[in-house]
PDB file of N, CA and C in Angstrom:
ATOM      1  N   UNK A   1      93.874  91.015  98.945  1.00  0.00           N
ATOM      2  CA  UNK A   1      95.303  91.176  98.998  1.00  0.00           C
ATOM      3  C   UNK A   1      95.936  89.857  99.409  1.00  0.00           C
ATOM      4  N   UNK A   2      97.014  89.502  98.745  1.00  0.00           N
ATOM      5  CA  UNK A   2      97.828  88.358  99.133  1.00  0.00           C
ATOM      6  C   UNK A   2      98.997  88.884  99.958  1.00  0.00           C
ATOM      7  N   UNK A   3      99.041  88.476 101.213  1.00  0.00           N
ATOM      8  CA  UNK A   3     100.078  88.950 102.130  1.00  0.00           C
ATOM      9  C   UNK A   3     101.443  88.435 101.701  1.00  0.00           C
ATOM     10  N   UNK A   4     102.461  89.317 101.790  1.00  0.00           N
ATOM     11  CA  UNK A   4     103.840  88.921 101.489  1.00  0.00           C
ATOM     12  C   UNK A   4     104.753  89.053 102.700  1.00  0.00           C
ATOM     13  N   UNK A   5     104.743  90.219 103.352  1.00  0.00           N
ATOM     14  CA  UNK A   5     105.736  90.466 104.398  1.00  0.00           C
ATOM     15  C   UNK A   5     105.252  91.545 105.359  1.00  0.00           C
ATOM     16  N   UNK A   6     105.675  91.427 106.601  1.00  0.00           N
ATOM     17  CA  UNK A   6     105.435  92.446 107.620  1.00  0.00           C
ATOM     18  C   UNK A   6     106.789  93.005 108.049  1.00  0.00           C
ATOM     19  N   UNK A   7     106.922  94.323 107.989  1.00  0.00           N
ATOM     20  CA  UNK A   7     108.179  94.980 108.342  1.00  0.00           C
ATOM     21  C   UNK A   7     107.965  95.886 109.554  1.00  0.00           C
ATOM     22  N   UNK A   8     108.997  96.017 110.353  1.00  0.00           N
ATOM     23  CA  UNK A   8     108.994  96.978 111.441  1.00  0.00           C
ATOM     24  C   UNK A   8     109.636  98.263 110.921  1.00  0.00           C
ATOM     25  N   UNK A   9     108.841  99.313 110.770  1.00  0.00           N
ATOM     26  CA  UNK A   9     109.331 100.595 110.254  1.00  0.00           C
ATOM     27  C   UNK A   9     109.951 101.416 111.385  1.00  0.00           C
ATOM     28  N   UNK A  10     109.242 101.461 112.509  1.00  0.00           N
ATOM     29  CA  UNK A  10     109.738 102.207 113.675  1.00  0.00           C
ATOM     30  C   UNK A  10     109.445 101.399 114.923  1.00  0.00           C
ATOM     31  N   UNK A  11     110.496 101.055 115.662  1.00  0.00           N
ATOM     32  CA  UNK A  11     110.327 100.232 116.855  1.00  0.00           C
ATOM     33  C   UNK A  11     109.600 101.018 117.941  1.00  0.00           C
ATOM     34  N   UNK A  12     109.003 100.307 118.910  1.00  0.00           N
ATOM     35  CA  UNK A  12     108.314 101.000 120.004  1.00  0.00           C
ATOM     36  C   UNK A  12     109.268 101.930 120.754  1.00  0.00           C
ATOM     37  N   UNK A  13     108.731 103.044 121.201  1.00  0.00           N
ATOM     38  CA  UNK A  13     109.531 103.999 121.956  1.00  0.00           C
ATOM     39  C   UNK A  13     109.965 103.414 123.298  1.00  0.00           C
ATOM     40  N   UNK A  14     109.096 102.604 123.911  1.00  0.00           N
ATOM     41  CA  UNK A  14     109.365 102.116 125.262  1.00  0.00           C
ATOM     42  C   UNK A  14     109.207 100.609 125.410  1.00  0.00           C
ATOM     43  N   UNK A  15     108.292  99.997 124.703  1.00  0.00           N
ATOM     44  CA  UNK A  15     108.050  98.561 124.824  1.00  0.00           C
ATOM     45  C   UNK A  15     108.920  97.765 123.868  1.00  0.00           C
ATOM     46  N   UNK A  16     108.541  96.499 123.667  1.00  0.00           N
ATOM     47  CA  UNK A  16     109.263  95.628 122.745  1.00  0.00           C
ATOM     48  C   UNK A  16     108.277  94.987 121.780  1.00  0.00           C
ATOM     49  N   UNK A  17     108.756  94.650 120.585  1.00  0.00           N
ATOM     50  CA  UNK A  17     107.914  93.998 119.589  1.00  0.00           C
ATOM     51  C   UNK A  17     108.711  92.892 118.911  1.00  0.00           C
ATOM     52  N   UNK A  18     108.027  91.777 118.662  1.00  0.00           N
ATOM     53  CA  UNK A  18     108.629  90.656 117.940  1.00  0.00           C
ATOM     54  C   UNK A  18     107.735  90.340 116.750  1.00  0.00           C
ATOM     55  N   UNK A  19     108.304  90.355 115.552  1.00  0.00           N
ATOM     56  CA  UNK A  19     107.557  89.989 114.351  1.00  0.00           C
ATOM     57  C   UNK A  19     107.581  88.478 114.217  1.00  0.00           C
ATOM     58  N   UNK A  20     106.436  87.898 113.868  1.00  0.00           N
ATOM     59  CA  UNK A  20     106.291  86.455 113.750  1.00  0.00           C
ATOM     60  C   UNK A  20     105.956  86.088 112.305  1.00  0.00           C
ATOM     61  N   UNK A  21     106.179  84.852 111.961  1.00  0.00           N
ATOM     62  CA  UNK A  21     105.870  84.334 110.622  1.00  0.00           C
ATOM     63  C   UNK A  21     104.386  84.517 110.310  1.00  0.00           C
ATOM     64  N   UNK A  22     104.074  84.889 109.086  1.00  0.00           N
ATOM     65  CA  UNK A  22     102.687  84.997 108.648  1.00  0.00           C
ATOM     66  C   UNK A  22     102.029  86.330 108.929  1.00  0.00           C
ATOM     67  N   UNK A  23     102.805  87.331 109.335  1.00  0.00           N
ATOM     68  CA  UNK A  23     102.232  88.655 109.538  1.00  0.00           C
ATOM     69  C   UNK A  23     101.753  88.939 110.945  1.00  0.00           C
ATOM     70  N   UNK A  24     102.133  88.118 111.892  1.00  0.00           N
ATOM     71  CA  UNK A  24     101.742  88.334 113.281  1.00  0.00           C
ATOM     72  C   UNK A  24     102.853  89.061 114.021  1.00  0.00           C
ATOM     73  N   UNK A  25     102.483  89.714 115.099  1.00  0.00           N
ATOM     74  CA  UNK A  25     103.493  90.339 115.950  1.00  0.00           C
ATOM     75  C   UNK A  25     103.058  90.222 117.403  1.00  0.00           C
ATOM     76  N   UNK A  26     104.042  90.274 118.290  1.00  0.00           N
ATOM     77  CA  UNK A  26     103.789  90.253 119.727  1.00  0.00           C
ATOM     78  C   UNK A  26     104.382  91.533 120.302  1.00  0.00           C
ATOM     79  N   UNK A  27     103.519  92.324 120.917  1.00  0.00           N
ATOM     80  CA  UNK A  27     103.958  93.565 121.549  1.00  0.00           C
ATOM     81  C   UNK A  27     103.982  93.352 123.056  1.00  0.00           C
ATOM     82  N   UNK A  28     105.078  93.720 123.697  1.00  0.00           N
ATOM     83  CA  UNK A  28     105.203  93.650 125.147  1.00  0.00           C
ATOM     84  C   UNK A  28     105.315  95.074 125.675  1.00  0.00           C
ATOM     85  N   UNK A  29     104.358  95.443 126.522  1.00  0.00           N
ATOM     86  CA  UNK A  29     104.311  96.803 127.053  1.00  0.00           C
ATOM     87  C   UNK A  29     105.435  97.034 128.059  1.00  0.00           C
ATOM     88  N   UNK A  30     105.853  98.289 128.201  1.00  0.00           N
ATOM     89  CA  UNK A  30     106.844  98.608 129.228  1.00  0.00           C
ATOM     90  C   UNK A  30     106.220  98.458 130.615  1.00  0.00           C
ATOM     91  N   UNK A  31     107.043  98.406 131.630  1.00  0.00           N
ATOM     92  CA  UNK A  31     106.533  98.227 132.995  1.00  0.00           C
ATOM     93  C   UNK A  31     105.956  99.512 133.574  1.00  0.00           C
ATOM     94  N   UNK A  32     106.276 100.649 133.004  1.00  0.00           N
ATOM     95  CA  UNK A  32     105.779 101.934 133.492  1.00  0.00           C
ATOM     96  C   UNK A  32     104.594 102.401 132.648  1.00  0.00           C
ATOM     97  N   UNK A  33     103.666 103.099 133.284  1.00  0.00           N
ATOM     98  CA  UNK A  33     102.492 103.630 132.588  1.00  0.00           C
ATOM     99  C   UNK A  33     102.897 104.753 131.639  1.00  0.00           C
ATOM    100  N   UNK A  34     102.069 104.957 130.614  1.00  0.00           N
ATOM    101  CA  UNK A  34     102.304 106.033 129.659  1.00  0.00           C
ATOM    102  C   UNK A  34     101.959 105.597 128.251  1.00  0.00           C
ATOM    103  N   UNK A  35     102.265 106.434 127.293  1.00  0.00           N
ATOM    104  CA  UNK A  35     101.952 106.173 125.885  1.00  0.00           C
ATOM    105  C   UNK A  35     103.175 105.585 125.191  1.00  0.00           C
ATOM    106  N   UNK A  36     102.932 104.604 124.344  1.00  0.00           N
ATOM    107  CA  UNK A  36     103.983 104.014 123.522  1.00  0.00           C
ATOM    108  C   UNK A  36     103.473 104.003 122.084  1.00  0.00           C
ATOM    109  N   UNK A  37     104.381 104.025 121.121  1.00  0.00           N
ATOM    110  CA  UNK A  37     103.953 103.985 119.721  1.00  0.00           C
ATOM    111  C   UNK A  37     104.993 103.267 118.878  1.00  0.00           C
ATOM    112  N   UNK A  38     104.518 102.709 117.747  1.00  0.00           N
ATOM    113  CA  UNK A  38     105.398 102.032 116.799  1.00  0.00           C
ATOM    114  C   UNK A  38     104.711 102.000 115.446  1.00  0.00           C
ATOM    115  N   UNK A  39     105.471 101.645 114.393  1.00  0.00           N
ATOM    116  CA  UNK A  39     104.929 101.642 113.039  1.00  0.00           C
ATOM    117  C   UNK A  39     105.329 100.360 112.321  1.00  0.00           C
ATOM    118  N   UNK A  40     104.345  99.728 111.673  1.00  0.00           N
ATOM    119  CA  UNK A  40     104.555  98.515 110.886  1.00  0.00           C
ATOM    120  C   UNK A  40     104.221  98.788 109.428  1.00  0.00           C
ATOM    121  N   UNK A  41     104.795  98.000 108.533  1.00  0.00           N
ATOM    122  CA  UNK A  41     104.475  98.073 107.103  1.00  0.00           C
ATOM    123  C   UNK A  41     104.031  96.688 106.639  1.00  0.00           C
ATOM    124  N   UNK A  42     102.837  96.623 106.046  1.00  0.00           N
ATOM    125  CA  UNK A  42     102.299  95.387 105.486  1.00  0.00           C
ATOM    126  C   UNK A  42     102.487  95.443 103.975  1.00  0.00           C
ATOM    127  N   UNK A  43     103.166  94.439 103.416  1.00  0.00           N
ATOM    128  CA  UNK A  43     103.407  94.375 101.970  1.00  0.00           C
ATOM    129  C   UNK A  43     102.629  93.209 101.384  1.00  0.00           C
ATOM    130  N   UNK A  44     102.086  93.412 100.180  1.00  0.00           N
ATOM    131  CA  UNK A  44     101.325  92.353  99.539  1.00  0.00           C
ATOM    132  C   UNK A  44     101.049  92.660  98.081  1.00  0.00           C
ATOM    133  N   UNK A  45     100.222  91.802  97.479  1.00  0.00           N
ATOM    134  CA  UNK A  45      99.876  91.919  96.065  1.00  0.00           C
ATOM    135  C   UNK A  45      98.358  91.874  95.905  1.00  0.00           C
ATOM    136  N   UNK A  46      97.835  92.759  95.062  1.00  0.00           N
ATOM    137  CA  UNK A  46      96.421  92.765  94.693  1.00  0.00           C
ATOM    138  C   UNK A  46      96.335  92.955  93.190  1.00  0.00           C
ATOM    139  N   UNK A  47      95.607  92.075  92.513  1.00  0.00           N
ATOM    140  CA  UNK A  47      95.458  92.163  91.056  1.00  0.00           C
ATOM    141  C   UNK A  47      96.808  92.301  90.352  1.00  0.00           C
ATOM    142  N   UNK A  48      97.772  91.494  90.757  1.00  0.00           N
ATOM    143  CA  UNK A  48      99.121  91.436  90.170  1.00  0.00           C
ATOM    144  C   UNK A  48      99.930  92.717  90.376  1.00  0.00           C
ATOM    145  N   UNK A  49      99.518  93.566  91.312  1.00  0.00           N
ATOM    146  CA  UNK A  49     100.275  94.783  91.616  1.00  0.00           C
ATOM    147  C   UNK A  49     100.744  94.739  93.067  1.00  0.00           C
ATOM    148  N   UNK A  50     102.043  94.965  93.244  1.00  0.00           N
ATOM    149  CA  UNK A  50     102.600  95.018  94.587  1.00  0.00           C
ATOM    150  C   UNK A  50     102.242  96.340  95.247  1.00  0.00           C
ATOM    151  N   UNK A  51     102.082  96.294  96.553  1.00  0.00           N
ATOM    152  CA  UNK A  51     101.800  97.514  97.292  1.00  0.00           C
ATOM    153  C   UNK A  51     102.072  97.314  98.770  1.00  0.00           C
ATOM    154  N   UNK A  52     101.900  98.384  99.517  1.00  0.00           N
ATOM    155  CA  UNK A  52     102.098  98.297 100.956  1.00  0.00           C
ATOM    156  C   UNK A  52     101.232  99.339 101.655  1.00  0.00           C
ATOM    157  N   UNK A  53     101.055  99.134 102.944  1.00  0.00           N
ATOM    158  CA  UNK A  53     100.364 100.098 103.796  1.00  0.00           C
ATOM    159  C   UNK A  53     101.159 100.230 105.083  1.00  0.00           C
ATOM    160  N   UNK A  54     101.357 101.457 105.523  1.00  0.00           N
ATOM    161  CA  UNK A  54     102.008 101.703 106.804  1.00  0.00           C
ATOM    162  C   UNK A  54     100.933 101.834 107.875  1.00  0.00           C
ATOM    163  N   UNK A  55     101.126 101.133 108.972  1.00  0.00           N
ATOM    164  CA  UNK A  55     100.184 101.140 110.089  1.00  0.00           C
ATOM    165  C   UNK A  55     100.886 101.738 111.298  1.00  0.00           C
ATOM    166  N   UNK A  56     100.312 102.786 111.842  1.00  0.00           N
ATOM    167  CA  UNK A  56     100.900 103.455 112.990  1.00  0.00           C
ATOM    168  C   UNK A  56     100.046 103.144 114.217  1.00  0.00           C
ATOM    169  N   UNK A  57     100.690 102.664 115.286  1.00  0.00           N
ATOM    170  CA  UNK A  57      99.991 102.271 116.501  1.00  0.00           C
ATOM    171  C   UNK A  57     100.398 103.178 117.657  1.00  0.00           C
ATOM    172  N   UNK A  58      99.410 103.547 118.451  1.00  0.00           N
ATOM    173  CA  UNK A  58      99.640 104.282 119.687  1.00  0.00           C
ATOM    174  C   UNK A  58      98.953 103.496 120.795  1.00  0.00           C
ATOM    175  N   UNK A  59      99.707 103.166 121.845  1.00  0.00           N
ATOM    176  CA  UNK A  59      99.216 102.295 122.908  1.00  0.00           C
ATOM    177  C   UNK A  59      99.281 103.043 124.234  1.00  0.00           C
ATOM    178  N   UNK A  60      98.174 103.025 124.975  1.00  0.00           N
ATOM    179  CA  UNK A  60      98.149 103.608 126.319  1.00  0.00           C
ATOM    180  C   UNK A  60      98.388 102.491 127.322  1.00  0.00           C
ATOM    181  N   UNK A  61      99.473 102.583 128.074  1.00  0.00           N
ATOM    182  CA  UNK A  61      99.808 101.581 129.083  1.00  0.00           C
ATOM    183  C   UNK A  61      99.396 102.134 130.440  1.00  0.00           C
ATOM    184  N   UNK A  62      98.517 101.392 131.137  1.00  0.00           N
ATOM    185  CA  UNK A  62      98.040 101.830 132.465  1.00  0.00           C
ATOM    186  C   UNK A  62      98.751 101.095 133.573  1.00  0.00           C
TER     187      UNK A  62
END
């Protein structure tokens, strides 16, 4: 797959996220313990066909 773009589909419920150039992201956990979640979308091309995958993350903050 040739990477094209990273999108934020659903922001974290409690923490913060920053999307960076090249498909990287920085997640900052909330100060309180508990579960946080967010969703990203990776877009790209394979064999001249565009496509995407949604990635759902669940984070346990201790």
